[in-house]
Protein backbone atom coordinates (compact mmCIF):
# COMPACT_ATOMS: atom_id res chain seq x y z
CA MET A 1 3.58 -20.75 46.65
CA LYS A 2 5.88 -23.58 45.32
CA SER A 3 4.28 -26.77 45.19
CA ALA A 4 4.84 -30.53 43.67
CA VAL A 5 2.95 -33.17 42.52
CA VAL A 6 4.09 -37.28 42.66
CA LEU A 7 3.46 -39.08 40.15
CA VAL A 8 3.71 -42.72 40.15
CA PRO A 9 2.05 -45.89 37.32
CA GLY A 10 -1.73 -45.25 37.61
CA LEU A 11 -2.21 -42.63 39.06
CA ASN A 12 -4.36 -40.44 36.80
CA ARG A 13 -5.78 -37.58 38.65
CA ASP A 14 -2.19 -35.10 38.38
CA ARG A 15 -3.37 -33.39 35.71
CA ASP A 16 -6.85 -32.06 37.29
CA MET A 17 -4.41 -31.82 40.42
CA ILE A 18 -1.63 -29.51 38.38
CA ALA A 19 -4.28 -27.81 36.74
CA ALA A 20 -5.85 -27.41 40.00
CA LEU A 21 -2.46 -26.23 41.21
CA THR A 22 -1.90 -23.87 38.59
CA LYS A 23 -4.80 -21.99 38.41
CA VAL A 24 -4.85 -21.14 42.32
CA SER A 25 -1.29 -20.16 42.74
CA GLY A 26 -0.62 -18.59 39.64
CA HIS A 27 2.91 -21.67 39.41
CA ALA A 28 2.34 -24.90 37.81
CA PRO A 29 3.74 -27.33 40.26
CA ALA A 30 7.03 -29.49 39.51
CA THR A 31 6.38 -33.72 38.80
CA LEU A 32 8.33 -36.27 41.46
CA TRP A 33 8.69 -39.59 39.36
CA GLN A 34 8.53 -42.81 41.75
CA THR A 35 12.37 -43.50 41.71
CA GLU A 36 13.74 -39.59 42.85
CA THR A 37 15.17 -39.12 46.35
CA THR A 38 15.93 -35.93 46.35
CA LEU A 39 13.25 -33.21 45.85
CA PRO A 40 13.36 -29.07 44.97
CA GLU A 41 14.64 -26.82 47.16
CA GLY A 42 11.70 -24.52 49.27
CA LEU A 43 8.91 -26.62 48.65
CA ASP A 44 5.59 -25.20 50.60
CA LEU A 45 3.41 -28.28 49.46
CA ILE A 46 3.91 -31.91 48.44
CA VAL A 47 0.39 -33.67 46.47
CA ILE A 48 -0.19 -37.33 45.75
CA PRO A 49 -3.07 -37.20 43.75
CA GLY A 50 -5.71 -40.15 43.37
CA GLY A 51 -6.46 -42.97 41.07
CA PHE A 52 -4.92 -46.23 41.32
CA SER A 53 -1.02 -46.43 41.93
CA PHE A 54 0.13 -50.09 40.42
CA GLY A 55 -3.66 -51.19 39.79
CA ASP A 56 -4.59 -51.53 43.43
CA TYR A 57 -2.85 -54.94 43.20
CA LEU A 58 -1.96 -55.70 47.35
CA ARG A 59 -3.59 -53.30 49.03
CA CYS A 60 -4.83 -50.44 47.32
CA GLY A 61 -0.96 -47.64 47.44
CA ALA A 62 1.02 -50.89 48.92
CA ILE A 63 3.08 -50.45 46.28
CA ALA A 64 3.75 -47.26 45.67
CA ALA A 65 4.23 -46.56 49.36
CA ARG A 66 7.34 -48.57 49.25
CA MET A 67 8.58 -45.89 46.45
CA PRO A 68 11.95 -43.90 46.65
CA VAL A 69 9.76 -40.90 46.46
CA MET A 70 7.81 -41.64 49.21
CA ARG A 71 10.94 -42.24 51.82
CA ALA A 72 11.83 -38.57 50.42
CA VAL A 73 8.55 -36.89 50.98
CA ALA A 74 8.67 -38.46 54.40
CA ASP A 75 11.78 -36.76 54.68
CA ALA A 76 10.31 -33.33 53.93
CA ALA A 77 7.34 -34.01 55.90
CA LYS A 78 9.49 -34.41 58.99
CA ARG A 79 11.12 -31.17 58.25
CA GLY A 80 7.59 -29.49 58.01
CA VAL A 81 6.32 -29.20 54.54
CA THR A 82 2.76 -29.69 53.97
CA VAL A 83 1.80 -32.82 52.67
CA LEU A 84 -1.84 -33.42 50.84
CA GLY A 85 -2.06 -37.04 49.75
CA VAL A 86 -6.39 -37.16 47.97
CA CYS A 87 -8.23 -40.41 47.77
CA ASN A 88 -5.32 -43.24 46.47
CA GLY A 89 -2.47 -40.17 47.83
CA PHE A 90 -4.62 -40.54 50.95
CA GLN A 91 -4.38 -44.23 51.26
CA ILE A 92 -0.27 -44.40 49.97
CA LEU A 93 -0.25 -41.63 52.99
CA VAL A 94 -1.66 -44.00 55.11
CA GLU A 95 0.59 -46.92 53.70
CA ALA A 96 3.34 -45.47 54.21
CA GLY A 97 2.60 -44.21 58.06
CA MET A 98 2.01 -41.03 57.54
CA LEU A 99 -1.05 -41.16 59.21
CA PRO A 100 -3.02 -43.48 61.42
CA GLY A 101 -6.07 -46.32 60.36
CA ALA A 102 -6.53 -47.74 57.28
CA LEU A 103 -8.60 -47.88 54.29
CA MET A 104 -10.96 -50.44 53.50
CA ARG A 105 -13.17 -51.16 50.84
CA ASN A 106 -16.76 -49.61 50.60
CA THR A 107 -20.17 -51.26 52.94
CA SER A 108 -21.58 -51.63 49.12
CA LEU A 109 -18.67 -53.36 47.91
CA LYS A 110 -18.96 -50.85 45.48
CA PHE A 111 -17.30 -48.14 43.49
CA VAL A 112 -18.84 -44.51 43.86
CA CYS A 113 -18.77 -42.21 41.53
CA ARG A 114 -20.80 -38.83 43.26
CA GLU A 115 -20.64 -35.44 44.64
CA VAL A 116 -20.92 -35.59 48.49
CA LYS A 117 -21.30 -33.29 51.37
CA LEU A 118 -18.67 -32.52 53.54
CA GLN A 119 -18.11 -30.86 57.25
CA VAL A 120 -14.74 -28.56 57.76
CA ALA A 121 -14.63 -30.25 61.47
CA ASN A 122 -11.76 -27.87 62.17
CA ALA A 123 -11.42 -25.11 60.43
CA ASN A 124 -7.65 -24.08 62.02
CA THR A 125 -5.58 -25.92 60.15
CA ALA A 126 -3.49 -25.03 57.40
CA PHE A 127 -5.92 -26.61 54.48
CA THR A 128 -8.83 -24.97 56.33
CA ARG A 129 -8.79 -21.60 57.82
CA GLN A 130 -10.35 -20.92 54.47
CA TYR A 131 -13.21 -21.92 55.31
CA ALA A 132 -15.86 -21.74 58.68
CA PRO A 133 -16.26 -24.10 61.50
CA ASN A 134 -18.29 -26.42 60.67
CA GLN A 135 -19.37 -24.84 57.01
CA ILE A 136 -20.62 -27.74 54.99
CA ILE A 137 -19.35 -27.52 51.42
CA ARG A 138 -19.97 -30.21 48.52
CA CYS A 139 -16.79 -31.86 46.94
CA PRO A 140 -16.81 -34.92 43.97
CA VAL A 141 -16.02 -38.55 45.29
CA ALA A 142 -14.66 -41.49 42.88
CA HIS A 143 -13.11 -44.49 45.10
CA HIS A 144 -13.78 -48.33 46.08
CA ASP A 145 -11.70 -48.57 49.06
CA GLY A 146 -12.75 -45.41 51.12
CA ASN A 147 -13.82 -46.82 54.23
CA TYR A 148 -11.61 -45.10 56.76
CA PHE A 149 -11.12 -47.84 60.21
CA ALA A 150 -8.88 -46.90 63.53
CA GLU A 151 -9.09 -48.97 66.56
CA PRO A 152 -10.70 -47.85 69.46
CA GLU A 153 -8.03 -46.00 71.65
CA GLU A 154 -6.83 -44.21 68.21
CA LEU A 155 -9.98 -43.14 66.93
CA ALA A 156 -10.57 -41.57 70.39
CA ARG A 157 -7.02 -40.00 70.50
CA LEU A 158 -7.47 -38.35 66.40
CA GLU A 159 -11.16 -37.27 68.02
CA GLY A 160 -9.65 -35.61 70.89
CA GLU A 161 -6.45 -33.80 69.41
CA GLY A 162 -9.02 -32.32 66.39
CA GLN A 163 -7.40 -34.83 63.43
CA VAL A 164 -10.38 -35.27 61.81
CA VAL A 165 -10.00 -32.29 59.91
CA PHE A 166 -13.74 -33.35 57.33
CA ARG A 167 -16.23 -35.17 57.68
CA TYR A 168 -19.66 -36.58 55.38
CA ALA A 169 -22.02 -34.68 56.18
CA GLU A 170 -25.92 -34.66 55.74
CA GLY A 171 -25.81 -38.44 55.63
CA THR A 172 -23.97 -38.26 51.64
CA ASN A 173 -21.46 -40.95 53.92
CA PRO A 174 -20.77 -43.18 51.33
CA ASN A 175 -17.90 -45.38 52.00
CA GLY A 176 -18.84 -46.48 55.55
CA SER A 177 -16.19 -44.27 57.42
CA ILE A 178 -16.52 -45.11 60.76
CA ASN A 179 -17.64 -41.22 62.64
CA ASP A 180 -18.25 -39.83 58.95
CA ILE A 181 -14.65 -39.46 58.37
CA ALA A 182 -13.47 -37.74 55.05
CA GLY A 183 -10.51 -36.34 55.81
CA ILE A 184 -7.44 -36.65 58.77
CA MET A 185 -4.02 -34.97 59.42
CA ASN A 186 -1.50 -36.23 61.33
CA ALA A 187 -0.42 -34.72 64.49
CA SER A 188 2.26 -32.13 63.15
CA GLY A 189 -0.91 -30.80 61.26
CA ASN A 190 1.39 -30.40 58.11
CA VAL A 191 -0.09 -34.25 56.52
CA LEU A 192 -4.01 -34.24 55.63
CA GLY A 193 -5.69 -37.29 53.82
CA LEU A 194 -8.96 -36.81 52.04
CA MET A 195 -10.76 -38.90 50.25
CA PRO A 196 -12.81 -36.96 48.21
CA HIS A 197 -11.02 -34.76 45.71
CA PRO A 198 -11.51 -31.46 46.15
CA GLU A 199 -9.21 -30.02 42.53
CA ASN A 200 -12.24 -30.75 40.78
CA LEU A 201 -14.81 -28.37 42.73
CA ILE A 202 -12.75 -24.66 42.10
CA GLU A 203 -14.13 -23.09 39.52
CA SER A 204 -17.30 -22.02 37.59
CA ALA A 205 -16.54 -24.73 35.07
CA HIS A 206 -16.14 -27.58 37.01
CA GLY A 207 -20.22 -25.80 38.75
CA GLY A 208 -19.04 -24.95 41.76
CA ASP A 209 -15.45 -23.78 43.85
CA ASP A 210 -15.99 -25.90 47.64
CA GLY A 211 -12.65 -27.48 47.31
CA ARG A 212 -11.07 -24.49 46.53
CA GLY A 213 -10.10 -22.73 50.26
CA ILE A 214 -8.48 -26.23 50.87
CA PHE A 215 -6.10 -24.89 48.65
CA GLU A 216 -6.01 -21.17 49.33
CA SER A 217 -5.00 -22.44 53.41
CA VAL A 218 -2.21 -23.56 52.03
CA LEU A 219 -1.46 -20.87 49.51
CA ALA A 220 -2.30 -17.95 52.40
CA LYS A 221 -0.04 -20.68 54.63
CA ALA A 222 2.76 -20.08 52.28
CA ALA A 223 3.10 -16.40 51.74
């Protein structure tokens, strides 16, 4: 699998994501700086990691979404390249118009950093085929603005079309997201935004490997 990780100032989970992609695929990903306008040929996966891009000034992800590299990522997604945005990366995808809805302040108005439970709401995607339908997995979160919202018509479409991929389960919703939504994909099924951090639970050293299936699903698709 040929992958790449987007870098902009303030994204501080890039090393974790690079390590996860390297361990799962056996190949280190390329890195894409914010000013790049062309991407390496033959990419199977582009990841936008978590952190606090540009210090989360304005809205979270709003500045990063307007960097030249994100226009290149959007063009790649239109060509069918698989794109994953985690935490701040999810916020950037929404701000870039690549995913619908909005990510607002947690209802507690506090930063949350803990483990949650996720239900695999759609196991028939490029990101989830290594999981069973409705499987419950563990995953850590670390965010202040993870409260997903969509207008009723948009929400009904997401639910009806199977675009809700992950939900917070067993009462562990950490942010008040509508319908317990933790991750959604675009209509084409090749762009996923996910608030929890699967890259931090892929091996025994992490205390479990529940997050590994996301990367292995993409790896199997690329094979």
